[in-house]
Amino acid sequence: MIDVRLLTQPFNPGQFVGPFTNAHPGLGGVCTFVGEVRGGDGVEALELSHYEPLTLPGMTALAERAVARFALLGVMILHRSGVMLPGEPIVCVSAAASHRRAAFDAVDFAMDHLKSDSWFWKREKKAGVWSWIEPRVSDHTDLARWD
């Protein structure tokens, strides 16, 4: 089972993770990561833009690669776009597998790709001014682990 969604409104990850877990009876483990807009450092808001005809197929291909690479029972990738406030979820990735290590690794794999090699343009607002954000060197280093 692959469930990939682009969301434009705030969401509660638990509303998605519960049904995803229930859809895989007999699994060995589920690993879930939820990324939120960081508060502090003066961040007032975060905005993610994308081009849906490219983004959704790219996210689906990433999910398919994760399922094949880690022999998953299922994967779910939820990603917000639009303007978000500190504390709001941006992304939720869940992987269901027969064994915990596959679930952990699949979520890590998906997040490294979403963070550094994805289809979103990101900017943040500080002191009323919007600035574009580029992936950090450490993001690219994390991604390179999977080659």
Protein backbone atom coordinates (compact mmCIF):
# COMPACT_ATOMS: atom_id res chain seq x y z
CA MET A 1 0.00 0.00 0.00
CA ILE A 2 1.35 3.38 -1.03
CA ASP A 3 -0.41 6.51 0.21
CA VAL A 4 1.05 9.81 -1.02
CA ARG A 5 -0.74 13.11 -0.48
CA LEU A 6 -0.13 16.81 -0.87
CA LEU A 7 -2.05 18.77 1.75
CA THR A 8 -2.90 22.46 1.76
CA GLN A 9 -4.43 22.69 5.24
CA PRO A 10 -3.12 21.96 8.74
CA PHE A 11 -3.37 18.27 9.62
CA ASN A 12 -3.20 15.98 12.63
CA PRO A 13 -0.70 13.19 11.82
CA GLY A 14 -2.43 10.80 14.22
CA GLN A 15 -5.57 10.86 12.09
CA PHE A 16 -3.54 9.34 9.26
CA VAL A 17 -1.07 7.11 11.12
CA GLY A 18 -3.76 5.10 12.95
CA PRO A 19 -5.61 4.02 9.79
CA PHE A 20 -2.29 3.39 8.00
CA THR A 21 -1.17 1.06 10.82
CA ASN A 22 -4.55 -0.68 10.93
CA ALA A 23 -4.32 -1.35 7.18
CA HIS A 24 -1.30 -3.61 7.79
CA PRO A 25 -2.33 -6.35 10.23
CA GLY A 26 0.48 -8.66 11.22
CA LEU A 27 3.23 -6.13 10.57
CA GLY A 28 6.42 -6.26 12.58
CA GLY A 29 6.67 -2.52 13.09
CA VAL A 30 5.69 0.94 11.97
CA CYS A 31 8.05 3.89 12.09
CA THR A 32 6.70 7.41 11.73
CA PHE A 33 8.46 10.75 11.48
CA VAL A 34 6.59 14.05 11.76
CA GLY A 35 8.42 17.23 10.85
CA GLU A 36 7.07 20.53 12.15
CA VAL A 37 7.77 24.19 11.47
CA ARG A 38 10.48 25.16 13.93
CA GLY A 39 9.76 27.99 16.29
CA GLY A 40 12.43 30.24 17.72
CA ASP A 41 15.20 32.04 15.87
CA GLY A 42 12.62 34.64 14.90
CA VAL A 43 10.72 32.40 12.47
CA GLU A 44 7.18 33.73 12.04
CA ALA A 45 6.08 31.49 9.19
CA LEU A 46 7.27 29.02 6.57
CA GLU A 47 5.97 28.76 3.01
CA LEU A 48 6.36 25.82 0.66
CA SER A 49 5.49 26.12 -3.01
CA HIS A 50 5.52 23.39 -5.63
CA TYR A 51 4.35 22.39 -9.11
CA GLU A 52 1.85 19.58 -8.48
CA PRO A 53 2.19 17.81 -11.87
CA LEU A 54 5.86 17.28 -10.99
CA THR A 55 5.64 17.02 -7.20
CA LEU A 56 3.02 14.31 -6.79
CA PRO A 57 4.57 11.89 -9.33
CA GLY A 58 8.00 12.53 -7.78
CA MET A 59 6.71 11.76 -4.29
CA THR A 60 4.98 8.63 -5.58
CA ALA A 61 8.19 7.45 -7.28
CA LEU A 62 10.07 8.04 -4.02
CA ALA A 63 7.49 5.95 -2.14
CA GLU A 64 7.78 3.16 -4.73
CA ARG A 65 11.59 3.17 -4.40
CA ALA A 66 11.29 2.94 -0.61
CA VAL A 67 8.86 0.00 -0.81
CA ALA A 68 11.15 -1.87 -3.23
CA ARG A 69 14.42 -1.06 -1.45
CA PHE A 70 13.25 -1.97 2.06
CA ALA A 71 10.63 -4.65 1.25
CA LEU A 72 7.92 -2.60 2.97
CA LEU A 73 4.35 -3.64 3.51
CA GLY A 74 3.37 -0.02 2.94
CA VAL A 75 4.49 3.58 3.06
CA MET A 76 2.65 6.84 3.61
CA ILE A 77 4.04 10.27 2.71
CA LEU A 78 2.02 13.38 3.58
CA HIS A 79 3.44 16.82 2.76
CA ARG A 80 2.02 20.27 3.34
CA SER A 81 2.34 23.25 1.06
CA GLY A 82 1.34 26.85 1.52
CA VAL A 83 1.98 29.08 4.52
CA MET A 84 2.53 27.33 7.85
CA LEU A 85 3.08 28.61 11.37
CA PRO A 86 5.57 27.37 13.99
CA GLY A 87 4.43 24.08 15.49
CA GLU A 88 2.37 23.02 12.48
CA PRO A 89 3.25 19.69 10.85
CA ILE A 90 4.95 19.96 7.45
CA VAL A 91 5.55 16.30 6.67
CA CYS A 92 4.58 12.87 7.96
CA VAL A 93 6.28 9.71 6.69
CA SER A 94 5.26 6.27 7.95
CA ALA A 95 6.65 2.92 6.89
CA ALA A 96 5.17 -0.49 7.75
CA ALA A 97 7.49 -3.48 7.58
CA SER A 98 7.93 -7.01 8.81
CA HIS A 99 11.01 -5.89 10.75
CA ARG A 100 11.71 -2.62 12.58
CA ARG A 101 15.05 -1.84 10.91
CA ALA A 102 13.43 -1.74 7.46
CA ALA A 103 10.77 0.65 8.75
CA PHE A 104 13.36 2.94 10.40
CA ASP A 105 15.60 2.95 7.33
CA ALA A 106 12.73 3.57 4.92
CA VAL A 107 11.56 6.64 6.83
CA ASP A 108 15.12 7.96 7.02
CA PHE A 109 15.60 7.32 3.28
CA ALA A 110 12.37 9.13 2.38
CA MET A 111 13.10 12.10 4.63
CA ASP A 112 16.63 12.55 3.28
CA HIS A 113 15.21 12.66 -0.24
CA LEU A 114 12.36 14.99 0.68
CA LYS A 115 14.75 17.35 2.48
CA SER A 116 17.44 17.61 -0.23
CA ASP A 117 16.13 16.24 -3.49
CA SER A 118 12.50 17.24 -3.60
CA TRP A 119 10.11 19.34 -5.59
CA PHE A 120 9.40 22.13 -3.12
CA TRP A 121 10.58 25.73 -2.93
CA LYS A 122 10.87 26.90 0.65
CA ARG A 123 11.04 30.32 2.23
CA GLU A 124 10.70 31.60 5.78
CA LYS A 125 9.46 34.83 7.28
CA LYS A 126 11.51 36.58 9.96
CA ALA A 127 10.86 40.13 11.19
CA GLY A 128 8.23 40.48 8.47
CA VAL A 129 10.68 39.66 5.65
CA TRP A 130 10.52 36.53 3.46
CA SER A 131 13.81 34.78 2.54
CA TRP A 132 14.40 31.70 0.40
CA ILE A 133 15.90 28.62 2.08
CA GLU A 134 18.28 26.25 0.32
CA PRO A 135 19.21 22.75 1.50
CA ARG A 136 22.24 22.73 3.82
CA VAL A 137 25.48 20.91 3.11
CA SER A 138 24.52 18.41 5.83
CA ASP A 139 21.25 17.70 3.98
CA HIS A 140 23.20 16.74 0.85
CA THR A 141 25.61 14.64 2.95
CA ASP A 142 22.67 12.78 4.48
CA LEU A 143 21.23 12.13 1.02
CA ALA A 144 24.57 10.82 -0.31
CA ARG A 145 24.47 7.96 2.25
CA TRP A 146 21.86 6.21 0.10
CA ASP A 147 23.94 6.01 -3.11
